[in-house]
Amino acid sequence: MEKRLGFVGIIIEEREANAAAVNELLGGFGNLIVARMGVPYEKRACSAITLIVDATTDELGVLAGKLGSLPGVAVKSMLSKTK
């Protein structure tokens, strides 16, 4: 299966309680992550993170699935149509 460029959008609610688990999980997928931008939003006690990834559909599915199973985390992802 070929890798494709894509992105992952992550919203972390109750940032102080949930961000550490997200960061630990992302560390395990560092080989897929090309770039990362995170912005804390104090007004709503949340954070938004965008990842640029180079991954297969299976790899992205595992990453998104594990992120989505964490408490207080919402995730959406997409890969390009072509390699």
Protein backbone atom coordinates (compact mmCIF):
# COMPACT_ATOMS: atom_id res chain seq x y z
CA MET A 1 0.00 0.00 0.00
CA GLU A 2 1.39 3.40 -0.95
CA LYS A 3 1.74 6.35 1.35
CA ARG A 4 -0.08 9.57 0.58
CA LEU A 5 0.01 13.09 1.96
CA GLY A 6 -2.82 14.03 4.28
CA PHE A 7 -3.88 15.85 7.40
CA VAL A 8 -5.37 15.14 10.80
CA GLY A 9 -7.43 17.72 12.68
CA ILE A 10 -7.65 17.22 16.44
CA ILE A 11 -9.73 19.08 19.03
CA ILE A 12 -8.85 18.41 22.66
CA GLU A 13 -11.53 19.39 25.17
CA GLU A 14 -10.54 19.95 28.82
CA ARG A 15 -6.98 20.45 27.61
CA GLU A 16 -5.27 20.23 30.98
CA ALA A 17 -6.79 16.82 31.68
CA ASN A 18 -6.45 15.29 28.19
CA ALA A 19 -3.48 16.82 26.33
CA ALA A 20 -0.79 14.61 27.88
CA ALA A 21 -2.42 11.43 26.52
CA VAL A 22 -2.63 12.95 23.02
CA ASN A 23 1.02 14.01 23.09
CA GLU A 24 2.13 10.58 24.28
CA LEU A 25 0.16 8.86 21.54
CA LEU A 26 1.48 11.22 18.84
CA GLY A 27 5.03 10.48 19.94
CA GLY A 28 4.48 6.86 18.96
CA PHE A 29 3.44 7.91 15.45
CA GLY A 30 6.27 10.38 14.86
CA ASN A 31 7.43 8.48 11.79
CA LEU A 32 4.18 9.46 10.01
CA ILE A 33 4.08 13.11 11.06
CA VAL A 34 5.62 15.62 8.64
CA ALA A 35 4.50 18.77 10.50
CA ARG A 36 2.46 19.72 13.55
CA MET A 37 0.78 22.94 14.62
CA GLY A 38 -1.07 23.27 17.91
CA VAL A 39 -2.97 26.21 19.31
CA PRO A 40 -4.34 26.34 22.87
CA TYR A 41 -7.61 28.24 23.19
CA GLU A 42 -7.83 29.33 26.80
CA LYS A 43 -11.31 30.87 26.46
CA ARG A 44 -12.79 27.40 25.87
CA ALA A 45 -10.17 25.36 27.78
CA CYS A 46 -9.38 23.39 24.64
CA SER A 47 -6.68 23.01 22.01
CA ALA A 48 -6.68 22.52 18.25
CA ILE A 49 -3.89 20.54 16.60
CA THR A 50 -3.29 20.04 12.89
CA LEU A 51 -0.94 17.34 11.66
CA ILE A 52 0.43 16.90 8.16
CA VAL A 53 1.07 13.21 7.63
CA ASP A 54 2.65 10.93 5.04
CA ALA A 55 0.86 7.62 5.62
CA THR A 56 -1.02 4.70 4.14
CA THR A 57 -4.76 4.47 4.65
CA ASP A 58 -4.19 1.73 7.23
CA GLU A 59 -1.62 3.76 9.17
CA LEU A 60 -3.85 6.81 9.20
CA GLY A 61 -6.82 4.70 10.27
CA VAL A 62 -4.90 3.34 13.26
CA LEU A 63 -3.72 6.82 14.29
CA ALA A 64 -7.16 8.41 13.92
CA GLY A 65 -8.84 5.50 15.68
CA LYS A 66 -6.53 5.65 18.67
CA LEU A 67 -6.88 9.43 18.93
CA GLY A 68 -10.66 9.23 18.69
CA SER A 69 -10.81 6.68 21.50
CA LEU A 70 -9.16 9.08 23.96
CA PRO A 71 -11.48 10.97 26.33
CA GLY A 72 -12.26 14.53 25.27
CA VAL A 73 -10.69 14.14 21.81
CA ALA A 74 -12.42 14.66 18.45
CA VAL A 75 -10.53 13.85 15.25
CA LYS A 76 -11.02 14.11 11.47
CA SER A 77 -8.54 13.03 8.82
CA MET A 78 -8.06 12.93 5.08
CA LEU A 79 -5.49 11.65 2.59
CA SER A 80 -4.82 12.95 -0.91
CA LYS A 81 -6.32 11.02 -3.81
CA THR A 82 -2.96 10.42 -5.45
CA LYS A 83 0.47 9.62 -4.13
